[in-house]
PDB file of N, CA and C in Angstrom:
ATOM      1  N   MET A   1      61.243 135.856 138.589  1.00  0.00           N
ATOM      2  CA  MET A   1      61.406 135.098 137.702  1.00  0.00           C
ATOM      3  C   MET A   1      62.309 136.389 136.411  1.00  0.00           C
ATOM      4  N   ALA A   2      61.206 137.202 136.210  1.00  0.00           N
ATOM      5  CA  ALA A   2      61.317 137.904 135.191  1.00  0.00           C
ATOM      6  C   ALA A   2      63.056 138.781 135.646  1.00  0.00           C
ATOM      7  N   ARG A   3      63.526 138.363 136.890  1.00  0.00           N
ATOM      8  CA  ARG A   3      64.899 139.525 136.733  1.00  0.00           C
ATOM      9  C   ARG A   3      65.686 138.475 135.880  1.00  0.00           C
ATOM     10  N   LYS A   4      65.354 137.123 136.609  1.00  0.00           N
ATOM     11  CA  LYS A   4      66.577 136.240 135.925  1.00  0.00           C
ATOM     12  C   LYS A   4      66.448 136.210 134.582  1.00  0.00           C
ATOM     13  N   LYS A   5      65.722 136.268 133.422  1.00  0.00           N
ATOM     14  CA  LYS A   5      66.088 136.578 132.055  1.00  0.00           C
ATOM     15  C   LYS A   5      66.566 137.653 132.010  1.00  0.00           C
ATOM     16  N   LYS A   6      66.296 138.609 132.576  1.00  0.00           N
ATOM     17  CA  LYS A   6      67.162 140.118 132.491  1.00  0.00           C
ATOM     18  C   LYS A   6      68.515 139.799 132.584  1.00  0.00           C
ATOM     19  N   GLU A   7      69.340 139.189 133.716  1.00  0.00           N
ATOM     20  CA  GLU A   7      70.327 138.683 133.907  1.00  0.00           C
ATOM     21  C   GLU A   7      70.621 137.907 132.928  1.00  0.00           C
ATOM     22  N   GLU A   8      70.218 137.020 132.553  1.00  0.00           N
ATOM     23  CA  GLU A   8      70.651 135.898 130.980  1.00  0.00           C
ATOM     24  C   GLU A   8      70.787 136.919 129.866  1.00  0.00           C
ATOM     25  N   ALA A   9      69.906 138.190 129.955  1.00  0.00           N
ATOM     26  CA  ALA A   9      69.934 138.447 128.763  1.00  0.00           C
ATOM     27  C   ALA A   9      70.859 139.812 128.738  1.00  0.00           C
ATOM     28  N   GLN A  10      71.304 140.210 129.685  1.00  0.00           N
ATOM     29  CA  GLN A  10      72.710 140.555 130.085  1.00  0.00           C
ATOM     30  C   GLN A  10      73.377 140.162 130.149  1.00  0.00           C
ATOM     31  N   GLN A  11      74.051 138.978 129.914  1.00  0.00           N
ATOM     32  CA  GLN A  11      74.957 138.430 130.145  1.00  0.00           C
ATOM     33  C   GLN A  11      75.242 137.564 128.728  1.00  0.00           C
ATOM     34  N   THR A  12      73.909 136.960 127.748  1.00  0.00           N
ATOM     35  CA  THR A  12      74.225 137.052 126.375  1.00  0.00           C
ATOM     36  C   THR A  12      74.677 138.158 125.445  1.00  0.00           C
ATOM     37  N   ARG A  13      74.642 139.580 125.977  1.00  0.00           N
ATOM     38  CA  ARG A  13      74.675 140.874 125.593  1.00  0.00           C
ATOM     39  C   ARG A  13      76.132 140.853 125.572  1.00  0.00           C
ATOM     40  N   GLN A  14      76.770 140.735 126.560  1.00  0.00           N
ATOM     41  CA  GLN A  14      78.416 140.629 126.901  1.00  0.00           C
ATOM     42  C   GLN A  14      79.006 139.900 126.408  1.00  0.00           C
ATOM     43  N   GLN A  15      78.680 138.877 126.284  1.00  0.00           N
ATOM     44  CA  GLN A  15      79.300 137.733 125.311  1.00  0.00           C
ATOM     45  C   GLN A  15      79.039 138.013 124.014  1.00  0.00           C
ATOM     46  N   LEU A  16      78.149 138.501 123.321  1.00  0.00           N
ATOM     47  CA  LEU A  16      78.199 138.902 122.506  1.00  0.00           C
ATOM     48  C   LEU A  16      79.173 140.248 121.403  1.00  0.00           C
ATOM     49  N   ILE A  17      79.254 141.078 122.677  1.00  0.00           N
ATOM     50  CA  ILE A  17      80.353 142.244 122.556  1.00  0.00           C
ATOM     51  C   ILE A  17      81.766 141.840 122.586  1.00  0.00           C
ATOM     52  N   GLU A  18      82.036 140.481 123.907  1.00  0.00           N
ATOM     53  CA  GLU A  18      83.462 140.264 123.605  1.00  0.00           C
ATOM     54  C   GLU A  18      83.325 139.317 122.591  1.00  0.00           C
ATOM     55  N   ALA A  19      82.530 138.167 121.924  1.00  0.00           N
ATOM     56  CA  ALA A  19      83.041 137.959 120.963  1.00  0.00           C
ATOM     57  C   ALA A  19      83.206 138.632 119.381  1.00  0.00           C
ATOM     58  N   ALA A  20      82.649 139.902 119.549  1.00  0.00           N
ATOM     59  CA  ALA A  20      82.880 141.236 118.542  1.00  0.00           C
ATOM     60  C   ALA A  20      84.140 141.614 118.634  1.00  0.00           C
ATOM     61  N   ILE A  21      84.237 141.881 119.430  1.00  0.00           N
ATOM     62  CA  ILE A  21      85.707 142.418 120.291  1.00  0.00           C
ATOM     63  C   ILE A  21      87.277 141.497 119.163  1.00  0.00           C
ATOM     64  N   GLY A  22      86.758 140.366 119.887  1.00  0.00           N
ATOM     65  CA  GLY A  22      87.989 139.212 119.175  1.00  0.00           C
ATOM     66  C   GLY A  22      87.682 139.397 117.977  1.00  0.00           C
ATOM     67  N   GLN A  23      86.624 139.108 117.228  1.00  0.00           N
ATOM     68  CA  GLN A  23      86.649 139.169 115.194  1.00  0.00           C
ATOM     69  C   GLN A  23      87.147 140.095 114.984  1.00  0.00           C
ATOM     70  N   PHE A  24      86.734 141.530 115.777  1.00  0.00           N
ATOM     71  CA  PHE A  24      87.584 142.941 115.135  1.00  0.00           C
ATOM     72  C   PHE A  24      88.909 142.780 115.345  1.00  0.00           C
ATOM     73  N   ALA A  25      89.488 142.230 116.162  1.00  0.00           N
ATOM     74  CA  ALA A  25      90.944 142.486 116.652  1.00  0.00           C
ATOM     75  C   ALA A  25      91.356 141.038 116.095  1.00  0.00           C
ATOM     76  N   THR A  26      90.681 140.016 115.503  1.00  0.00           N
ATOM     77  CA  THR A  26      91.823 138.835 114.398  1.00  0.00           C
ATOM     78  C   THR A  26      91.896 139.715 113.156  1.00  0.00           C
ATOM     79  N   ARG A  27      90.339 139.944 112.632  1.00  0.00           N
ATOM     80  CA  ARG A  27      90.056 140.061 111.274  1.00  0.00           C
ATOM     81  C   ARG A  27      89.808 141.478 110.460  1.00  0.00           C
ATOM     82  N   GLY A  28      89.551 142.634 111.265  1.00  0.00           N
ATOM     83  CA  GLY A  28      89.376 144.186 111.449  1.00  0.00           C
ATOM     84  C   GLY A  28      87.770 144.191 111.449  1.00  0.00           C
ATOM     85  N   VAL A  29      87.781 145.509 111.603  1.00  0.00           N
ATOM     86  CA  VAL A  29      86.066 145.759 111.224  1.00  0.00           C
ATOM     87  C   VAL A  29      85.492 145.166 109.996  1.00  0.00           C
ATOM     88  N   ALA A  30      86.648 145.796 108.989  1.00  0.00           N
ATOM     89  CA  ALA A  30      85.730 146.004 107.526  1.00  0.00           C
ATOM     90  C   ALA A  30      85.567 143.988 106.879  1.00  0.00           C
ATOM     91  N   SER A  31      86.339 143.465 107.548  1.00  0.00           N
ATOM     92  CA  SER A  31      86.471 141.755 107.475  1.00  0.00           C
ATOM     93  C   SER A  31      85.400 141.025 108.596  1.00  0.00           C
ATOM     94  N   THR A  32      84.666 141.568 109.232  1.00  0.00           N
ATOM     95  CA  THR A  32      83.952 140.341 110.447  1.00  0.00           C
ATOM     96  C   THR A  32      82.606 140.829 109.620  1.00  0.00           C
ATOM     97  N   THR A  33      82.417 139.548 109.749  1.00  0.00           N
ATOM     98  CA  THR A  33      80.184 139.914 109.150  1.00  0.00           C
ATOM     99  C   THR A  33      79.822 139.264 110.658  1.00  0.00           C
ATOM    100  N   LEU A  34      78.175 139.635 110.613  1.00  0.00           N
ATOM    101  CA  LEU A  34      77.662 138.816 111.997  1.00  0.00           C
ATOM    102  C   LEU A  34      77.102 137.466 112.174  1.00  0.00           C
ATOM    103  N   VAL A  35      77.796 137.071 111.086  1.00  0.00           N
ATOM    104  CA  VAL A  35      77.527 135.796 111.232  1.00  0.00           C
ATOM    105  C   VAL A  35      78.631 134.833 111.669  1.00  0.00           C
ATOM    106  N   MET A  36      79.747 135.825 111.787  1.00  0.00           N
ATOM    107  CA  MET A  36      81.164 135.374 112.319  1.00  0.00           C
ATOM    108  C   MET A  36      80.718 136.035 113.345  1.00  0.00           C
ATOM    109  N   THR A  37      80.174 137.354 114.215  1.00  0.00           N
ATOM    110  CA  THR A  37      80.536 137.452 115.505  1.00  0.00           C
ATOM    111  C   THR A  37      80.046 136.495 116.895  1.00  0.00           C
ATOM    112  N   PRO A  38      78.664 135.921 116.429  1.00  0.00           N
ATOM    113  CA  PRO A  38      77.993 135.223 118.058  1.00  0.00           C
ATOM    114  C   PRO A  38      79.000 133.982 117.859  1.00  0.00           C
ATOM    115  N   ASN A  39      80.100 133.866 117.489  1.00  0.00           N
ATOM    116  CA  ASN A  39      80.655 132.403 117.276  1.00  0.00           C
ATOM    117  C   ASN A  39      81.604 132.227 118.620  1.00  0.00           C
ATOM    118  N   TYR A  40      81.358 132.794 119.916  1.00  0.00           N
ATOM    119  CA  TYR A  40      81.541 133.056 121.395  1.00  0.00           C
ATOM    120  C   TYR A  40      81.693 131.224 122.100  1.00  0.00           C
TER     121      TYR A  40
END
């Protein structure tokens, strides 16, 4: 059971990273806020 939670955490982490990269590419690093980042 703990293994699944670890996999879910890794998947969530990857989704957040991809969302951040998309926001950085669209708005630039200086114009991206943490509030915008989780919108994946």
